[in-house]
N, C-alpha and C. Protein backbone atom coordinates (compact mmCIF):
# COMPACT_ATOMS: atom_id res chain seq x y z
N MET A 1 -23.97 -6.25 -0.68
CA MET A 1 -22.82 -5.38 -0.55
C MET A 1 -21.55 -6.24 -0.68
N ARG A 2 -20.62 -5.79 -1.49
CA ARG A 2 -19.39 -6.50 -1.74
C ARG A 2 -18.36 -6.21 -0.66
N LYS A 3 -17.63 -7.23 -0.25
CA LYS A 3 -16.56 -7.06 0.74
C LYS A 3 -15.31 -6.53 0.04
N LEU A 4 -14.58 -5.67 0.73
CA LEU A 4 -13.31 -5.17 0.20
C LEU A 4 -12.23 -6.22 0.41
N ASN A 5 -11.36 -6.38 -0.58
CA ASN A 5 -10.21 -7.26 -0.35
C ASN A 5 -9.16 -6.47 0.43
N ARG A 6 -8.12 -7.13 0.84
CA ARG A 6 -7.11 -6.51 1.72
C ARG A 6 -6.49 -5.27 1.06
N GLN A 7 -6.16 -5.37 -0.23
CA GLN A 7 -5.51 -4.25 -0.92
C GLN A 7 -6.45 -3.04 -1.02
N GLU A 8 -7.71 -3.28 -1.30
CA GLU A 8 -8.68 -2.19 -1.39
C GLU A 8 -8.88 -1.52 -0.03
N PHE A 9 -8.94 -2.34 1.01
CA PHE A 9 -9.11 -1.79 2.36
C PHE A 9 -7.89 -0.97 2.76
N LEU A 10 -6.69 -1.47 2.45
CA LEU A 10 -5.46 -0.75 2.75
C LEU A 10 -5.40 0.57 2.00
N GLU A 11 -5.84 0.56 0.74
CA GLU A 11 -5.86 1.78 -0.07
C GLU A 11 -6.85 2.80 0.52
N MET A 12 -7.98 2.34 1.00
CA MET A 12 -8.96 3.23 1.63
C MET A 12 -8.37 3.87 2.89
N ARG A 13 -7.69 3.06 3.71
CA ARG A 13 -7.06 3.59 4.92
C ARG A 13 -5.94 4.58 4.56
N ARG A 14 -5.19 4.30 3.51
CA ARG A 14 -4.13 5.21 3.06
C ARG A 14 -4.72 6.58 2.72
N ARG A 15 -5.80 6.58 1.96
CA ARG A 15 -6.45 7.85 1.59
C ARG A 15 -6.96 8.58 2.82
N MET A 16 -7.52 7.85 3.78
CA MET A 16 -8.03 8.49 4.99
C MET A 16 -6.91 9.15 5.78
N HIS A 17 -5.79 8.47 5.93
CA HIS A 17 -4.66 9.05 6.65
C HIS A 17 -4.08 10.25 5.91
N GLU A 18 -4.02 10.17 4.58
CA GLU A 18 -3.51 11.28 3.78
C GLU A 18 -4.42 12.50 3.93
N GLU A 19 -5.72 12.29 3.89
CA GLU A 19 -6.67 13.40 4.09
C GLU A 19 -6.52 13.99 5.48
N TRP A 20 -6.31 13.16 6.48
CA TRP A 20 -6.10 13.64 7.85
C TRP A 20 -4.88 14.54 7.92
N LEU A 21 -3.78 14.14 7.28
CA LEU A 21 -2.57 14.97 7.27
C LEU A 21 -2.85 16.33 6.65
N ARG A 22 -3.53 16.31 5.53
CA ARG A 22 -3.78 17.55 4.78
C ARG A 22 -4.81 18.45 5.47
N ARG A 23 -5.84 17.85 6.03
CA ARG A 23 -6.92 18.62 6.65
C ARG A 23 -6.55 19.12 8.05
N ASP A 24 -6.12 18.23 8.91
CA ASP A 24 -5.91 18.59 10.30
C ASP A 24 -4.54 19.18 10.59
N HIS A 25 -3.57 18.89 9.77
CA HIS A 25 -2.22 19.37 10.04
C HIS A 25 -1.67 20.30 8.96
N ARG A 26 -2.48 20.56 7.96
CA ARG A 26 -2.12 21.48 6.89
C ARG A 26 -0.82 21.08 6.18
N PHE A 27 -0.55 19.78 6.10
CA PHE A 27 0.59 19.28 5.34
C PHE A 27 0.10 19.01 3.92
N GLN A 28 -0.18 20.07 3.17
CA GLN A 28 -0.77 19.94 1.84
C GLN A 28 0.12 19.21 0.85
N THR A 29 1.43 19.30 1.02
CA THR A 29 2.33 18.68 0.06
C THR A 29 2.71 17.25 0.45
N PHE A 30 2.18 16.75 1.54
CA PHE A 30 2.51 15.39 1.97
C PHE A 30 1.66 14.37 1.23
N SER A 31 2.26 13.21 0.97
CA SER A 31 1.52 12.14 0.34
C SER A 31 1.90 10.83 1.01
N ILE A 32 1.03 9.85 0.87
CA ILE A 32 1.29 8.52 1.42
C ILE A 32 1.13 7.53 0.28
N ALA A 33 2.11 6.64 0.14
CA ALA A 33 2.06 5.60 -0.88
C ALA A 33 2.31 4.26 -0.21
N ILE A 34 1.88 3.21 -0.88
CA ILE A 34 2.15 1.86 -0.40
C ILE A 34 3.11 1.24 -1.41
N GLU A 35 4.32 0.90 -0.94
CA GLU A 35 5.36 0.35 -1.81
C GLU A 35 5.97 -0.88 -1.16
N ASP A 36 5.88 -2.00 -1.83
CA ASP A 36 6.52 -3.24 -1.37
C ASP A 36 6.20 -3.57 0.09
N GLY A 37 4.94 -3.46 0.46
CA GLY A 37 4.54 -3.81 1.82
C GLY A 37 4.84 -2.76 2.87
N GLU A 38 5.28 -1.58 2.43
CA GLU A 38 5.56 -0.49 3.36
C GLU A 38 4.70 0.72 3.03
N ALA A 39 4.32 1.45 4.05
CA ALA A 39 3.66 2.73 3.86
C ALA A 39 4.77 3.77 3.85
N VAL A 40 4.74 4.65 2.86
CA VAL A 40 5.79 5.66 2.71
C VAL A 40 5.13 7.04 2.73
N VAL A 41 5.50 7.84 3.73
CA VAL A 41 5.00 9.21 3.84
C VAL A 41 6.09 10.12 3.32
N ARG A 42 5.74 10.96 2.33
CA ARG A 42 6.72 11.88 1.74
C ARG A 42 6.19 13.30 1.84
N GLY A 43 7.12 14.23 2.01
CA GLY A 43 6.72 15.63 2.08
C GLY A 43 7.87 16.57 1.90
N TRP A 44 7.55 17.84 1.91
CA TRP A 44 8.51 18.93 1.77
C TRP A 44 9.42 18.75 0.57
N GLY A 45 8.80 18.51 -0.58
CA GLY A 45 9.56 18.42 -1.82
C GLY A 45 10.52 17.24 -1.86
N GLY A 46 10.21 16.17 -1.17
CA GLY A 46 11.05 14.99 -1.18
C GLY A 46 12.13 14.98 -0.11
N GLU A 47 12.18 16.03 0.70
CA GLU A 47 13.20 16.11 1.75
C GLU A 47 12.84 15.27 2.97
N PHE A 48 11.57 14.89 3.09
CA PHE A 48 11.12 14.11 4.23
C PHE A 48 10.56 12.79 3.73
N GLU A 49 10.96 11.70 4.36
CA GLU A 49 10.40 10.39 4.03
C GLU A 49 10.35 9.54 5.29
N LEU A 50 9.20 8.95 5.53
CA LEU A 50 9.00 8.07 6.68
C LEU A 50 8.45 6.75 6.15
N ARG A 51 9.07 5.64 6.54
CA ARG A 51 8.62 4.31 6.12
C ARG A 51 8.24 3.49 7.34
N PHE A 52 7.15 2.75 7.21
CA PHE A 52 6.75 1.81 8.25
C PHE A 52 5.90 0.72 7.59
N PRO A 53 5.73 -0.42 8.25
CA PRO A 53 4.94 -1.50 7.64
C PRO A 53 3.55 -1.04 7.24
N ALA A 54 3.12 -1.41 6.05
CA ALA A 54 1.82 -0.96 5.53
C ALA A 54 0.67 -1.37 6.44
N ARG A 55 0.79 -2.49 7.12
CA ARG A 55 -0.30 -2.91 8.01
C ARG A 55 -0.52 -1.90 9.14
N GLY A 56 0.46 -1.04 9.39
CA GLY A 56 0.31 0.01 10.39
C GLY A 56 -0.77 1.01 10.02
N LEU A 57 -1.09 1.11 8.72
CA LEU A 57 -2.15 2.02 8.28
C LEU A 57 -3.52 1.59 8.78
N LEU A 58 -3.63 0.35 9.20
CA LEU A 58 -4.91 -0.14 9.70
C LEU A 58 -5.24 0.42 11.07
N GLU A 59 -4.23 0.93 11.79
CA GLU A 59 -4.45 1.54 13.10
C GLU A 59 -5.10 2.91 12.90
N PRO A 60 -6.12 3.24 13.68
CA PRO A 60 -6.79 4.54 13.52
C PRO A 60 -5.85 5.72 13.79
N ASP A 61 -4.87 5.54 14.65
CA ASP A 61 -3.96 6.64 14.98
C ASP A 61 -2.52 6.35 14.51
N ALA A 62 -2.41 5.70 13.35
CA ALA A 62 -1.10 5.27 12.84
C ALA A 62 -0.11 6.42 12.70
N LEU A 63 -0.53 7.55 12.17
CA LEU A 63 0.39 8.67 11.96
C LEU A 63 0.71 9.40 13.26
N ARG A 64 -0.27 9.51 14.11
CA ARG A 64 -0.04 10.16 15.41
C ARG A 64 0.99 9.38 16.20
N ARG A 65 0.93 8.06 16.14
CA ARG A 65 1.91 7.21 16.84
C ARG A 65 3.32 7.39 16.28
N ARG A 66 3.40 7.89 15.06
CA ARG A 66 4.70 8.07 14.43
C ARG A 66 5.14 9.53 14.40
N GLY A 67 4.55 10.33 15.26
CA GLY A 67 5.02 11.69 15.47
C GLY A 67 4.26 12.82 14.83
N PHE A 68 3.14 12.54 14.15
CA PHE A 68 2.37 13.62 13.51
C PHE A 68 1.32 14.15 14.44
């Protein structure tokens, strides 16, 4: 079994958090991107944007800690 590198692992966590937003909170239009070492949560047609260090995505409750 191949080990994931840091970027692959971060991308997997990003997808998991994005699915959590869409599934559990019905934020269907929200997306999460990783840009320049930051995690960027966008929603409501670009009217909402939240930025925090990308390493925060490694926390299981990263979005809940930030108000979701």
